[in-house]
């Protein structure tokens, strides 16, 4: 719950400071990624549960800097089909929801084509 709370707090602070519009989205994205990596690494050095929760909260706050600029960067990448990179970004940022797709046991039957299930073409 600490990561989710940190994400909400980080999103609120980011929105109040209007970071995505004042600073280059690439910089906000990079700082958020770096902050998430560092705070996740520091979880391993924690000596108490309070420290772990604090670092996990910091991880969520850092990830709040990643998500909105990623959407902004993705939306600006493709002019012809602006929804395609947004869908791809959401799918890569939320891997837990997609894990079940990759955890299926192998089958001998031919896999169905993913392209027919997508509402767009690449």
PDB file of N, CA and C in Angstrom:
ATOM      1  N   UNK A   1       0.812  -1.202   0.000  1.00  0.00           N
ATOM      2  CA  UNK A   1       0.000   0.000   0.000  1.00  0.00           C
ATOM      3  C   UNK A   1       0.859   1.272   0.000  1.00  0.00           C
ATOM      4  N   UNK A   2       2.098   1.139   0.412  1.00  0.00           N
ATOM      5  CA  UNK A   2       2.964   2.320   0.469  1.00  0.00           C
ATOM      6  C   UNK A   2       3.257   2.854  -0.931  1.00  0.00           C
ATOM      7  N   UNK A   3       3.439   1.953  -1.903  1.00  0.00           N
ATOM      8  CA  UNK A   3       3.730   2.407  -3.267  1.00  0.00           C
ATOM      9  C   UNK A   3       2.522   3.150  -3.838  1.00  0.00           C
ATOM     10  N   UNK A   4       1.322   2.613  -3.603  1.00  0.00           N
ATOM     11  CA  UNK A   4       0.116   3.269  -4.113  1.00  0.00           C
ATOM     12  C   UNK A   4      -0.087   4.626  -3.437  1.00  0.00           C
ATOM     13  N   UNK A   5       0.148   4.686  -2.140  1.00  0.00           N
ATOM     14  CA  UNK A   5       0.031   5.971  -1.434  1.00  0.00           C
ATOM     15  C   UNK A   5       1.052   6.973  -1.931  1.00  0.00           C
ATOM     16  N   UNK A   6       2.280   6.500  -2.162  1.00  0.00           N
ATOM     17  CA  UNK A   6       3.315   7.377  -2.704  1.00  0.00           C
ATOM     18  C   UNK A   6       2.982   7.856  -4.098  1.00  0.00           C
ATOM     19  N   UNK A   7       2.377   6.972  -4.895  1.00  0.00           N
ATOM     20  CA  UNK A   7       1.990   7.357  -6.247  1.00  0.00           C
ATOM     21  C   UNK A   7       0.932   8.459  -6.209  1.00  0.00           C
ATOM     22  N   UNK A   8      -0.053   8.301  -5.335  1.00  0.00           N
ATOM     23  CA  UNK A   8      -1.109   9.318  -5.212  1.00  0.00           C
ATOM     24  C   UNK A   8      -0.514  10.636  -4.737  1.00  0.00           C
ATOM     25  N   UNK A   9       0.340  10.579  -3.718  1.00  0.00           N
ATOM     26  CA  UNK A   9       0.959  11.805  -3.201  1.00  0.00           C
ATOM     27  C   UNK A   9       1.860  12.451  -4.255  1.00  0.00           C
ATOM     28  N   UNK A  10       2.653  11.642  -4.940  1.00  0.00           N
ATOM     29  CA  UNK A  10       3.531  12.179  -5.975  1.00  0.00           C
ATOM     30  C   UNK A  10       2.768  12.784  -7.139  1.00  0.00           C
ATOM     31  N   UNK A  11       1.664  12.141  -7.515  1.00  0.00           N
ATOM     32  CA  UNK A  11       0.837  12.678  -8.593  1.00  0.00           C
ATOM     33  C   UNK A  11       0.223  14.007  -8.204  1.00  0.00           C
ATOM     34  N   UNK A  12      -0.224  14.101  -6.957  1.00  0.00           N
ATOM     35  CA  UNK A  12      -0.818  15.344  -6.471  1.00  0.00           C
ATOM     36  C   UNK A  12       0.207  16.476  -6.468  1.00  0.00           C
ATOM     37  N   UNK A  13       1.394  16.191  -5.953  1.00  0.00           N
ATOM     38  CA  UNK A  13       2.447  17.223  -5.926  1.00  0.00           C
ATOM     39  C   UNK A  13       2.855  17.606  -7.347  1.00  0.00           C
ATOM     40  N   UNK A  14       3.014  16.607  -8.212  1.00  0.00           N
ATOM     41  CA  UNK A  14       3.384  16.875  -9.601  1.00  0.00           C
ATOM     42  C   UNK A  14       2.332  17.733 -10.299  1.00  0.00           C
ATOM     43  N   UNK A  15       1.063  17.436 -10.036  1.00  0.00           N
ATOM     44  CA  UNK A  15      -0.016  18.213 -10.663  1.00  0.00           C
ATOM     45  C   UNK A  15      -0.076  19.631 -10.100  1.00  0.00           C
ATOM     46  N   UNK A  16       0.104  19.775  -8.796  1.00  0.00           N
ATOM     47  CA  UNK A  16       0.060  21.110  -8.197  1.00  0.00           C
ATOM     48  C   UNK A  16       1.221  21.980  -8.672  1.00  0.00           C
ATOM     49  N   UNK A  17       2.382  21.371  -8.879  1.00  0.00           N
ATOM     50  CA  UNK A  17       3.538  22.120  -9.375  1.00  0.00           C
ATOM     51  C   UNK A  17       3.544  22.242 -10.898  1.00  0.00           C
ATOM     52  N   UNK A  18       2.628  21.525 -11.562  1.00  0.00           N
ATOM     53  CA  UNK A  18       2.508  21.561 -13.021  1.00  0.00           C
ATOM     54  C   UNK A  18       3.822  21.160 -13.704  1.00  0.00           C
ATOM     55  N   UNK A  19       4.476  20.133 -13.155  1.00  0.00           N
ATOM     56  CA  UNK A  19       5.792  19.722 -13.647  1.00  0.00           C
ATOM     57  C   UNK A  19       5.789  19.301 -15.103  1.00  0.00           C
ATOM     58  N   UNK A  20       4.777  18.572 -15.521  1.00  0.00           N
ATOM     59  CA  UNK A  20       4.765  18.041 -16.890  1.00  0.00           C
ATOM     60  C   UNK A  20       4.749  19.136 -17.943  1.00  0.00           C
ATOM     61  N   UNK A  21       4.251  20.324 -17.585  1.00  0.00           N
ATOM     62  CA  UNK A  21       4.198  21.427 -18.549  1.00  0.00           C
ATOM     63  C   UNK A  21       5.342  22.420 -18.386  1.00  0.00           C
ATOM     64  N   UNK A  22       5.911  22.508 -17.189  1.00  0.00           N
ATOM     65  CA  UNK A  22       6.982  23.474 -16.941  1.00  0.00           C
ATOM     66  C   UNK A  22       8.365  22.926 -17.272  1.00  0.00           C
ATOM     67  N   UNK A  23       8.533  21.636 -17.082  1.00  0.00           N
ATOM     68  CA  UNK A  23       9.825  21.004 -17.318  1.00  0.00           C
ATOM     69  C   UNK A  23       9.661  20.034 -18.481  1.00  0.00           C
ATOM     70  N   UNK A  24      10.725  19.825 -19.217  1.00  0.00           N
ATOM     71  CA  UNK A  24      10.682  18.883 -20.341  1.00  0.00           C
ATOM     72  C   UNK A  24      10.217  17.512 -19.840  1.00  0.00           C
ATOM     73  N   UNK A  25       9.235  16.916 -20.511  1.00  0.00           N
ATOM     74  CA  UNK A  25       8.743  15.601 -20.069  1.00  0.00           C
ATOM     75  C   UNK A  25       9.839  14.540 -20.028  1.00  0.00           C
ATOM     76  N   UNK A  26      10.814  14.661 -20.897  1.00  0.00           N
ATOM     77  CA  UNK A  26      11.908  13.685 -20.900  1.00  0.00           C
ATOM     78  C   UNK A  26      12.732  13.776 -19.615  1.00  0.00           C
ATOM     79  N   UNK A  27      12.931  15.000 -19.105  1.00  0.00           N
ATOM     80  CA  UNK A  27      13.669  15.169 -17.861  1.00  0.00           C
ATOM     81  C   UNK A  27      12.865  14.661 -16.674  1.00  0.00           C
ATOM     82  N   UNK A  28      11.584  14.966 -16.650  1.00  0.00           N
ATOM     83  CA  UNK A  28      10.730  14.492 -15.557  1.00  0.00           C
ATOM     84  C   UNK A  28      10.703  12.969 -15.560  1.00  0.00           C
ATOM     85  N   UNK A  29      10.582  12.380 -16.741  1.00  0.00           N
ATOM     86  CA  UNK A  29      10.578  10.929 -16.889  1.00  0.00           C
ATOM     87  C   UNK A  29      11.893  10.333 -16.382  1.00  0.00           C
ATOM     88  N   UNK A  30      13.005  10.921 -16.795  1.00  0.00           N
ATOM     89  CA  UNK A  30      14.323  10.412 -16.401  1.00  0.00           C
ATOM     90  C   UNK A  30      14.543  10.521 -14.896  1.00  0.00           C
ATOM     91  N   UNK A  31      14.173  11.652 -14.321  1.00  0.00           N
ATOM     92  CA  UNK A  31      14.329  11.838 -12.871  1.00  0.00           C
ATOM     93  C   UNK A  31      13.440  10.856 -12.114  1.00  0.00           C
ATOM     94  N   UNK A  32      12.226  10.647 -12.601  1.00  0.00           N
ATOM     95  CA  UNK A  32      11.325   9.690 -11.959  1.00  0.00           C
ATOM     96  C   UNK A  32      11.866   8.272 -12.018  1.00  0.00           C
ATOM     97  N   UNK A  33      12.413   7.887 -13.172  1.00  0.00           N
ATOM     98  CA  UNK A  33      13.003   6.545 -13.308  1.00  0.00           C
ATOM     99  C   UNK A  33      14.194   6.375 -12.377  1.00  0.00           C
ATOM    100  N   UNK A  34      15.060   7.371 -12.361  1.00  0.00           N
ATOM    101  CA  UNK A  34      16.237   7.307 -11.492  1.00  0.00           C
ATOM    102  C   UNK A  34      15.824   7.255 -10.017  1.00  0.00           C
ATOM    103  N   UNK A  35      14.844   8.072  -9.641  1.00  0.00           N
ATOM    104  CA  UNK A  35      14.359   8.066  -8.257  1.00  0.00           C
ATOM    105  C   UNK A  35      13.764   6.728  -7.865  1.00  0.00           C
ATOM    106  N   UNK A  36      13.036   6.109  -8.787  1.00  0.00           N
ATOM    107  CA  UNK A  36      12.439   4.796  -8.501  1.00  0.00           C
ATOM    108  C   UNK A  36      13.519   3.737  -8.341  1.00  0.00           C
ATOM    109  N   UNK A  37      14.540   3.791  -9.181  1.00  0.00           N
ATOM    110  CA  UNK A  37      15.633   2.826  -9.086  1.00  0.00           C
ATOM    111  C   UNK A  37      16.372   2.973  -7.762  1.00  0.00           C
ATOM    112  N   UNK A  38      16.704   4.196  -7.394  1.00  0.00           N
ATOM    113  CA  UNK A  38      17.453   4.437  -6.157  1.00  0.00           C
ATOM    114  C   UNK A  38      16.630   4.043  -4.934  1.00  0.00           C
ATOM    115  N   UNK A  39      15.375   4.465  -4.888  1.00  0.00           N
ATOM    116  CA  UNK A  39      14.561   4.147  -3.711  1.00  0.00           C
ATOM    117  C   UNK A  39      14.274   2.648  -3.617  1.00  0.00           C
ATOM    118  N   UNK A  40      14.118   1.980  -4.753  1.00  0.00           N
ATOM    119  CA  UNK A  40      13.953   0.523  -4.724  1.00  0.00           C
ATOM    120  C   UNK A  40      15.223  -0.161  -4.243  1.00  0.00           C
ATOM    121  N   UNK A  41      16.374   0.341  -4.654  1.00  0.00           N
ATOM    122  CA  UNK A  41      17.642  -0.236  -4.211  1.00  0.00           C
ATOM    123  C   UNK A  41      17.838  -0.028  -2.710  1.00  0.00           C
ATOM    124  N   UNK A  42      17.415   1.115  -2.202  1.00  0.00           N
ATOM    125  CA  UNK A  42      17.588   1.395  -0.781  1.00  0.00           C
ATOM    126  C   UNK A  42      16.673   0.550   0.103  1.00  0.00           C
ATOM    127  N   UNK A  43      15.631  -0.019  -0.470  1.00  0.00           N
ATOM    128  CA  UNK A  43      14.777  -0.934   0.300  1.00  0.00           C
ATOM    129  C   UNK A  43      15.608  -2.113   0.795  1.00  0.00           C
ATOM    130  N   UNK A  44      16.570  -2.544  -0.004  1.00  0.00           N
ATOM    131  CA  UNK A  44      17.371  -3.711   0.359  1.00  0.00           C
ATOM    132  C   UNK A  44      18.320  -3.435   1.518  1.00  0.00           C
ATOM    133  N   UNK A  45      18.595  -2.164   1.793  1.00  0.00           N
ATOM    134  CA  UNK A  45      19.495  -1.818   2.887  1.00  0.00           C
ATOM    135  C   UNK A  45      18.750  -1.432   4.154  1.00  0.00           C
ATOM    136  N   UNK A  46      17.440  -1.457   4.113  1.00  0.00           N
ATOM    137  CA  UNK A  46      16.634  -1.034   5.264  1.00  0.00           C
ATOM    138  C   UNK A  46      16.768  -2.020   6.412  1.00  0.00           C
ATOM    139  N   UNK A  47      16.804  -1.471   7.633  1.00  0.00           N
ATOM    140  CA  UNK A  47      16.941  -2.292   8.827  1.00  0.00           C
ATOM    141  C   UNK A  47      15.635  -2.453   9.589  1.00  0.00           C
ATOM    142  N   UNK A  48      14.631  -1.658   9.243  1.00  0.00           N
ATOM    143  CA  UNK A  48      13.352  -1.757   9.957  1.00  0.00           C
ATOM    144  C   UNK A  48      12.198  -1.691   8.964  1.00  0.00           C
ATOM    145  N   UNK A  49      11.046  -2.113   9.443  1.00  0.00           N
ATOM    146  CA  UNK A  49       9.851  -2.088   8.592  1.00  0.00           C
ATOM    147  C   UNK A  49       9.451  -0.660   8.245  1.00  0.00           C
ATOM    148  N   UNK A  50       9.694   0.265   9.142  1.00  0.00           N
ATOM    149  CA  UNK A  50       9.351   1.670   8.886  1.00  0.00           C
ATOM    150  C   UNK A  50      10.191   2.206   7.726  1.00  0.00           C
ATOM    151  N   UNK A  51      11.458   1.839   7.699  1.00  0.00           N
ATOM    152  CA  UNK A  51      12.315   2.263   6.589  1.00  0.00           C
ATOM    153  C   UNK A  51      11.844   1.671   5.265  1.00  0.00           C
ATOM    154  N   UNK A  52      11.463   0.407   5.288  1.00  0.00           N
ATOM    155  CA  UNK A  52      10.988  -0.249   4.072  1.00  0.00           C
ATOM    156  C   UNK A  52       9.756   0.467   3.539  1.00  0.00           C
ATOM    157  N   UNK A  53       8.814   0.765   4.430  1.00  0.00           N
ATOM    158  CA  UNK A  53       7.595   1.461   4.015  1.00  0.00           C
ATOM    159  C   UNK A  53       7.934   2.851   3.467  1.00  0.00           C
ATOM    160  N   UNK A  54       8.866   3.536   4.108  1.00  0.00           N
ATOM    161  CA  UNK A  54       9.247   4.877   3.644  1.00  0.00           C
ATOM    162  C   UNK A  54       9.875   4.820   2.251  1.00  0.00           C
ATOM    163  N   UNK A  55      10.765   3.846   2.034  1.00  0.00           N
ATOM    164  CA  UNK A  55      11.391   3.731   0.712  1.00  0.00           C
ATOM    165  C   UNK A  55      10.397   3.292  -0.339  1.00  0.00           C
ATOM    166  N   UNK A  56       9.462   2.439   0.012  1.00  0.00           N
ATOM    167  CA  UNK A  56       8.430   2.032  -0.942  1.00  0.00           C
ATOM    168  C   UNK A  56       7.522   3.227  -1.285  1.00  0.00           C
ATOM    169  N   UNK A  57       7.225   4.079  -0.282  1.00  0.00           N
ATOM    170  CA  UNK A  57       6.457   5.303  -0.531  1.00  0.00           C
ATOM    171  C   UNK A  57       7.229   6.200  -1.510  1.00  0.00           C
ATOM    172  N   UNK A  58       8.536   6.295  -1.299  1.00  0.00           N
ATOM    173  CA  UNK A  58       9.372   7.096  -2.200  1.00  0.00           C
ATOM    174  C   UNK A  58       9.375   6.508  -3.612  1.00  0.00           C
ATOM    175  N   UNK A  59       9.353   5.185  -3.713  1.00  0.00           N
ATOM    176  CA  UNK A  59       9.275   4.540  -5.024  1.00  0.00           C
ATOM    177  C   UNK A  59       7.994   4.934  -5.742  1.00  0.00           C
ATOM    178  N   UNK A  60       6.876   4.893  -5.032  1.00  0.00           N
ATOM    179  CA  UNK A  60       5.602   5.297  -5.621  1.00  0.00           C
ATOM    180  C   UNK A  60       5.610   6.759  -6.042  1.00  0.00           C
ATOM    181  N   UNK A  61       6.197   7.605  -5.208  1.00  0.00           N
ATOM    182  CA  UNK A  61       6.272   9.030  -5.557  1.00  0.00           C
ATOM    183  C   UNK A  61       7.107   9.247  -6.813  1.00  0.00           C
ATOM    184  N   UNK A  62       8.202   8.503  -6.935  1.00  0.00           N
ATOM    185  CA  UNK A  62       9.046   8.620  -8.126  1.00  0.00           C
ATOM    186  C   UNK A  62       8.316   8.107  -9.362  1.00  0.00           C
ATOM    187  N   UNK A  63       7.571   7.030  -9.215  1.00  0.00           N
ATOM    188  CA  UNK A  63       6.833   6.492 -10.355  1.00  0.00           C
ATOM    189  C   UNK A  63       5.724   7.444 -10.808  1.00  0.00           C
ATOM    190  N   UNK A  64       5.247   8.275  -9.900  1.00  0.00           N
ATOM    191  CA  UNK A  64       4.254   9.275 -10.286  1.00  0.00           C
ATOM    192  C   UNK A  64       4.852  10.291 -11.257  1.00  0.00           C
ATOM    193  N   UNK A  65       6.166  10.436 -11.229  1.00  0.00           N
ATOM    194  CA  UNK A  65       6.829  11.327 -12.183  1.00  0.00           C
ATOM    195  C   UNK A  65       7.030  10.646 -13.533  1.00  0.00           C
ATOM    196  N   UNK A  66       6.922   9.327 -13.568  1.00  0.00           N
ATOM    197  CA  UNK A  66       7.146   8.580 -14.802  1.00  0.00           C
ATOM    198  C   UNK A  66       5.890   8.522 -15.667  1.00  0.00           C
ATOM    199  N   UNK A  67       4.771   8.236 -15.068  1.00  0.00           N
ATOM    200  CA  UNK A  67       3.557   7.923 -15.825  1.00  0.00           C
ATOM    201  C   UNK A  67       3.023   9.094 -16.677  1.00  0.00           C
ATOM    202  N   UNK A  68       2.747  10.286 -16.118  1.00  0.00           N
ATOM    203  CA  UNK A  68       2.199  11.368 -16.961  1.00  0.00           C
ATOM    204  C   UNK A  68       3.118  11.809 -18.107  1.00  0.00           C
ATOM    205  N   UNK A  69       4.425  11.994 -17.870  1.00  0.00           N
ATOM    206  CA  UNK A  69       5.275  12.351 -19.007  1.00  0.00           C
ATOM    207  C   UNK A  69       5.358  11.240 -20.050  1.00  0.00           C
ATOM    208  N   UNK A  70       5.284   9.983 -19.614  1.00  0.00           N
ATOM    209  CA  UNK A  70       5.304   8.888 -20.580  1.00  0.00           C
ATOM    210  C   UNK A  70       4.105   8.987 -21.504  1.00  0.00           C
ATOM    211  N   UNK A  71       2.962   9.338 -20.956  1.00  0.00           N
ATOM    212  CA  UNK A  71       1.764   9.511 -21.787  1.00  0.00           C
ATOM    213  C   UNK A  71       1.948  10.688 -22.748  1.00  0.00           C
ATOM    214  N   UNK A  72       2.536  11.766 -22.253  1.00  0.00           N
ATOM    215  CA  UNK A  72       2.740  12.954 -23.088  1.00  0.00           C
ATOM    216  C   UNK A  72       3.740  12.664 -24.205  1.00  0.00           C
ATOM    217  N   UNK A  73       4.819  11.954 -23.880  1.00  0.00           N
ATOM    218  CA  UNK A  73       5.815  11.596 -24.889  1.00  0.00           C
ATOM    219  C   UNK A  73       5.192  10.665 -25.925  1.00  0.00           C
ATOM    220  N   UNK A  74       4.445   9.678 -25.453  1.00  0.00           N
ATOM    221  CA  UNK A  74       3.822   8.711 -26.361  1.00  0.00           C
ATOM    222  C   UNK A  74       2.799   9.380 -27.266  1.00  0.00           C
ATOM    223  N   UNK A  75       2.029  10.310 -26.737  1.00  0.00           N
ATOM    224  CA  UNK A  75       1.007  10.979 -27.542  1.00  0.00           C
ATOM    225  C   UNK A  75       1.626  11.849 -28.635  1.00  0.00           C
ATOM    226  N   UNK A  76       2.815  12.364 -28.389  1.00  0.00           N
ATOM    227  CA  UNK A  76       3.458  13.215 -29.377  1.00  0.00           C
ATOM    228  C   UNK A  76       4.274  12.467 -30.410  1.00  0.00           C
ATOM    229  N   UNK A  77       4.427  11.162 -30.238  1.00  0.00           N
ATOM    230  CA  UNK A  77       5.284  10.380 -31.144  1.00  0.00           C
ATOM    231  C   UNK A  77       4.637  10.093 -32.483  1.00  0.00           C
ATOM    232  N   UNK A  78       3.371   9.766 -32.477  1.00  0.00           N
ATOM    233  CA  UNK A  78       2.706   9.327 -33.695  1.00  0.00           C
ATOM    234  C   UNK A  78       1.548  10.268 -33.996  1.00  0.00           C
ATOM    235  N   UNK A  79       1.549  10.819 -35.189  1.00  0.00           N
ATOM    236  CA  UNK A  79       0.490  11.738 -35.580  1.00  0.00           C
ATOM    237  C   UNK A  79      -0.683  10.986 -36.193  1.00  0.00           C
ATOM    238  N   UNK A  80      -0.399   9.982 -37.016  1.00  0.00           N
ATOM    239  CA  UNK A  80      -1.457   9.272 -37.731  1.00  0.00           C
ATOM    240  C   UNK A  80      -2.351   8.469 -36.791  1.00  0.00           C
ATOM    241  N   UNK A  81      -1.770   7.774 -35.822  1.00  0.00           N
ATOM    242  CA  UNK A  81      -2.537   6.960 -34.881  1.00  0.00           C
ATOM    243  C   UNK A  81      -2.054   7.259 -33.468  1.00  0.00           C
ATOM    244  N   UNK A  82      -2.507   8.351 -32.872  1.00  0.00           N
ATOM    245  CA  UNK A  82      -1.983   8.749 -31.567  1.00  0.00           C
ATOM    246  C   UNK A  82      -2.331   7.795 -30.431  1.00  0.00           C
ATOM    247  N   UNK A  83      -3.316   6.921 -30.604  1.00  0.00           N
ATOM    248  CA  UNK A  83      -3.665   6.027 -29.515  1.00  0.00           C
ATOM    249  C   UNK A  83      -2.748   4.817 -29.426  1.00  0.00           C
ATOM    250  N   UNK A  84      -2.096   4.438 -30.500  1.00  0.00           N
ATOM    251  CA  UNK A  84      -1.254   3.235 -30.504  1.00  0.00           C
ATOM    252  C   UNK A  84      -0.116   3.320 -29.491  1.00  0.00           C
ATOM    253  N   UNK A  85       0.697   4.383 -29.465  1.00  0.00           N
ATOM    254  CA  UNK A  85       1.772   4.411 -28.475  1.00  0.00           C
ATOM    255  C   UNK A  85       1.257   4.560 -27.047  1.00  0.00           C
ATOM    256  N   UNK A  86       0.100   5.186 -26.871  1.00  0.00           N
ATOM    257  CA  UNK A  86      -0.454   5.310 -25.521  1.00  0.00           C
ATOM    258  C   UNK A  86      -0.851   3.935 -25.005  1.00  0.00           C
ATOM    259  N   UNK A  87      -1.484   3.145 -25.849  1.00  0.00           N
ATOM    260  CA  UNK A  87      -1.860   1.782 -25.459  1.00  0.00           C
ATOM    261  C   UNK A  87      -0.608   0.980 -25.133  1.00  0.00           C
ATOM    262  N   UNK A  88       0.418   1.103 -25.942  1.00  0.00           N
ATOM    263  CA  UNK A  88       1.660   0.375 -25.699  1.00  0.00           C
ATOM    264  C   UNK A  88       2.321   0.827 -24.400  1.00  0.00           C
ATOM    265  N   UNK A  89       2.305   2.128 -24.118  1.00  0.00           N
ATOM    266  CA  UNK A  89       2.899   2.649 -22.893  1.00  0.00           C
ATOM    267  C   UNK A  89       2.163   2.148 -21.669  1.00  0.00           C
ATOM    268  N   UNK A  90       0.851   2.195 -21.701  1.00  0.00           N
ATOM    269  CA  UNK A  90       0.069   1.701 -20.567  1.00  0.00           C
ATOM    270  C   UNK A  90       0.324   0.214 -20.368  1.00  0.00           C
ATOM    271  N   UNK A  91       0.419  -0.529 -21.440  1.00  0.00           N
ATOM    272  CA  UNK A  91       0.654  -1.971 -21.339  1.00  0.00           C
ATOM    273  C   UNK A  91       2.024  -2.282 -20.753  1.00  0.00           C
ATOM    274  N   UNK A  92       3.023  -1.454 -21.040  1.00  0.00           N
ATOM    275  CA  UNK A  92       4.352  -1.721 -20.498  1.00  0.00           C
ATOM    276  C   UNK A  92       4.522  -1.209 -19.085  1.00  0.00           C
ATOM    277  N   UNK A  93       3.810  -0.160 -18.722  1.00  0.00           N
ATOM    278  CA  UNK A  93       3.929   0.373 -17.361  1.00  0.00           C
ATOM    279  C   UNK A  93       3.151  -0.475 -16.370  1.00  0.00           C
ATOM    280  N   UNK A  94       2.135  -1.155 -16.817  1.00  0.00           N
ATOM    281  CA  UNK A  94       1.333  -1.978 -15.915  1.00  0.00           C
ATOM    282  C   UNK A  94       1.522  -3.460 -16.247  1.00  0.00           C
ATOM    283  N   UNK A  95       2.734  -3.984 -16.025  1.00  0.00           N
ATOM    284  CA  UNK A  95       2.998  -5.365 -16.423  1.00  0.00           C
ATOM    285  C   UNK A  95       2.273  -6.405 -15.573  1.00  0.00           C
ATOM    286  N   UNK A  96       1.939  -6.077 -14.346  1.00  0.00           N
ATOM    287  CA  UNK A  96       1.287  -7.064 -13.482  1.00  0.00           C
ATOM    288  C   UNK A  96      -0.023  -7.527 -14.101  1.00  0.00           C
ATOM    289  N   UNK A  97      -0.752  -6.644 -14.702  1.00  0.00           N
ATOM    290  CA  UNK A  97      -2.009  -7.019 -15.338  1.00  0.00           C
ATOM    291  C   UNK A  97      -1.778  -7.916 -16.546  1.00  0.00           C
ATOM    292  N   UNK A  98      -0.612  -7.800 -17.154  1.00  0.00           N
ATOM    293  CA  UNK A  98      -0.329  -8.552 -18.363  1.00  0.00           C
ATOM    294  C   UNK A  98       0.447  -9.837 -18.109  1.00  0.00           C
ATOM    295  N   UNK A  99       0.869 -10.066 -16.864  1.00  0.00           N
ATOM    296  CA  UNK A  99       1.671 -11.242 -16.564  1.00  0.00           C
ATOM    297  C   UNK A  99       0.917 -12.521 -16.905  1.00  0.00           C
ATOM    298  N   UNK A 100      -0.373 -12.553 -16.647  1.00  0.00           N
ATOM    299  CA  UNK A 100      -1.133 -13.777 -16.898  1.00  0.00           C
ATOM    300  C   UNK A 100      -1.103 -14.167 -18.372  1.00  0.00           C
ATOM    301  N   UNK A 101      -0.903 -13.215 -19.263  1.00  0.00           N
ATOM    302  CA  UNK A 101      -0.830 -13.539 -20.692  1.00  0.00           C
ATOM    303  C   UNK A 101       0.435 -14.324 -21.024  1.00  0.00           C
ATOM    304  N   UNK A 102       1.497 -14.063 -20.255  1.00  0.00           N
ATOM    305  CA  UNK A 102       2.769 -14.718 -20.525  1.00  0.00           C
ATOM    306  C   UNK A 102       3.002 -15.950 -19.655  1.00  0.00           C
ATOM    307  N   UNK A 103       2.120 -16.213 -18.712  1.00  0.00           N
ATOM    308  CA  UNK A 103       2.285 -17.326 -17.791  1.00  0.00           C
ATOM    309  C   UNK A 103       1.501 -18.568 -18.222  1.00  0.00           C
ATOM    310  N   UNK A 104       0.928 -18.544 -19.408  1.00  0.00           N
ATOM    311  CA  UNK A 104       0.180 -19.695 -19.886  1.00  0.00           C
ATOM    312  C   UNK A 104       1.141 -20.849 -20.171  1.00  0.00           C
ATOM    313  N   UNK A 105       0.688 -22.095 -19.933  1.00  0.00           N
ATOM    314  CA  UNK A 105       1.547 -23.227 -20.293  1.00  0.00           C
ATOM    315  C   UNK A 105       1.667 -23.324 -21.813  1.00  0.00           C
ATOM    316  N   UNK A 106       2.805 -23.780 -22.282  1.00  0.00           N
ATOM    317  CA  UNK A 106       2.971 -23.897 -23.745  1.00  0.00           C
ATOM    318  C   UNK A 106       2.006 -24.933 -24.314  1.00  0.00           C
ATOM    319  N   UNK A 107       1.513 -24.650 -25.475  1.00  0.00           N
ATOM    320  CA  UNK A 107       0.606 -25.580 -26.132  1.00  0.00           C
ATOM    321  C   UNK A 107       1.175 -25.951 -27.494  1.00  0.00           C
ATOM    322  N   UNK A 108       0.671 -27.039 -28.019  1.00  0.00           N
ATOM    323  CA  UNK A 108       1.145 -27.484 -29.322  1.00  0.00           C
ATOM    324  C   UNK A 108       0.374 -26.828 -30.459  1.00  0.00           C
ATOM    325  N   UNK A 109      -0.785 -26.278 -30.138  1.00  0.00           N
ATOM    326  CA  UNK A 109      -1.588 -25.617 -31.167  1.00  0.00           C
ATOM    327  C   UNK A 109      -0.953 -24.284 -31.537  1.00  0.00           C
ATOM    328  N   UNK A 110      -1.227 -23.850 -32.728  1.00  0.00           N
ATOM    329  CA  UNK A 110      -0.705 -22.560 -33.188  1.00  0.00           C
ATOM    330  C   UNK A 110      -1.341 -21.439 -32.378  1.00  0.00           C
ATOM    331  N   UNK A 111      -0.523 -20.488 -31.993  1.00  0.00           N
ATOM    332  CA  UNK A 111      -1.019 -19.354 -31.213  1.00  0.00           C
ATOM    333  C   UNK A 111      -1.864 -18.455 -32.096  1.00  0.00           C
ATOM    334  N   UNK A 112      -2.959 -17.904 -31.539  1.00  0.00           N
ATOM    335  CA  UNK A 112      -3.771 -16.983 -32.342  1.00  0.00           C
ATOM    336  C   UNK A 112      -3.013 -15.689 -32.597  1.00  0.00           C
ATOM    337  N   UNK A 113      -3.331 -15.065 -33.681  1.00  0.00           N
ATOM    338  CA  UNK A 113      -2.681 -13.814 -34.041  1.00  0.00           C
ATOM    339  C   UNK A 113      -3.157 -12.696 -33.131  1.00  0.00           C
ATOM    340  N   UNK A 114      -2.211 -11.957 -32.588  1.00  0.00           N
ATOM    341  CA  UNK A 114      -2.554 -10.834 -31.713  1.00  0.00           C
ATOM    342  C   UNK A 114      -3.080  -9.654 -32.510  1.00  0.00           C
ATOM    343  N   UNK A 115      -2.668  -9.552 -33.745  1.00  0.00           N
ATOM    344  CA  UNK A 115      -3.052  -8.401 -34.551  1.00  0.00           C
ATOM    345  C   UNK A 115      -4.554  -8.326 -34.783  1.00  0.00           C
ATOM    346  N   UNK A 116      -5.224  -9.488 -34.844  1.00  0.00           N
ATOM    347  CA  UNK A 116      -6.656  -9.453 -35.075  1.00  0.00           C
ATOM    348  C   UNK A 116      -7.418  -8.938 -33.864  1.00  0.00           C
ATOM    349  N   UNK A 117      -6.809  -8.998 -32.662  1.00  0.00           N
ATOM    350  CA  UNK A 117      -7.490  -8.555 -31.459  1.00  0.00           C
ATOM    351  C   UNK A 117      -7.287  -7.060 -31.205  1.00  0.00           C
ATOM    352  N   UNK A 118      -6.335  -6.452 -31.887  1.00  0.00           N
ATOM    353  CA  UNK A 118      -6.042  -5.045 -31.648  1.00  0.00           C
ATOM    354  C   UNK A 118      -6.980  -4.147 -32.449  1.00  0.00           C
ATOM    355  N   UNK A 119      -7.408  -3.025 -31.844  1.00  0.00           N
ATOM    356  CA  UNK A 119      -8.307  -2.125 -32.564  1.00  0.00           C
ATOM    357  C   UNK A 119      -7.562  -1.186 -33.520  1.00  0.00           C
ATOM    358  N   UNK A 120      -6.271  -1.384 -33.689  1.00  0.00           N
ATOM    359  CA  UNK A 120      -5.494  -0.523 -34.568  1.00  0.00           C
ATOM    360  C   UNK A 120      -4.443  -1.371 -35.274  1.00  0.00           C
ATOM    361  N   UNK A 121      -3.772  -0.781 -36.266  1.00  0.00           N
ATOM    362  CA  UNK A 121      -2.701  -1.477 -36.951  1.00  0.00           C
ATOM    363  C   UNK A 121      -1.425  -0.673 -36.763  1.00  0.00           C
ATOM    364  N   UNK A 122      -0.316  -1.375 -36.705  1.00  0.00           N
ATOM    365  CA  UNK A 122       0.965  -0.710 -36.510  1.00  0.00           C
ATOM    366  C   UNK A 122       1.524  -0.215 -37.801  1.00  0.00           C
TER     367      UNK A 122
END
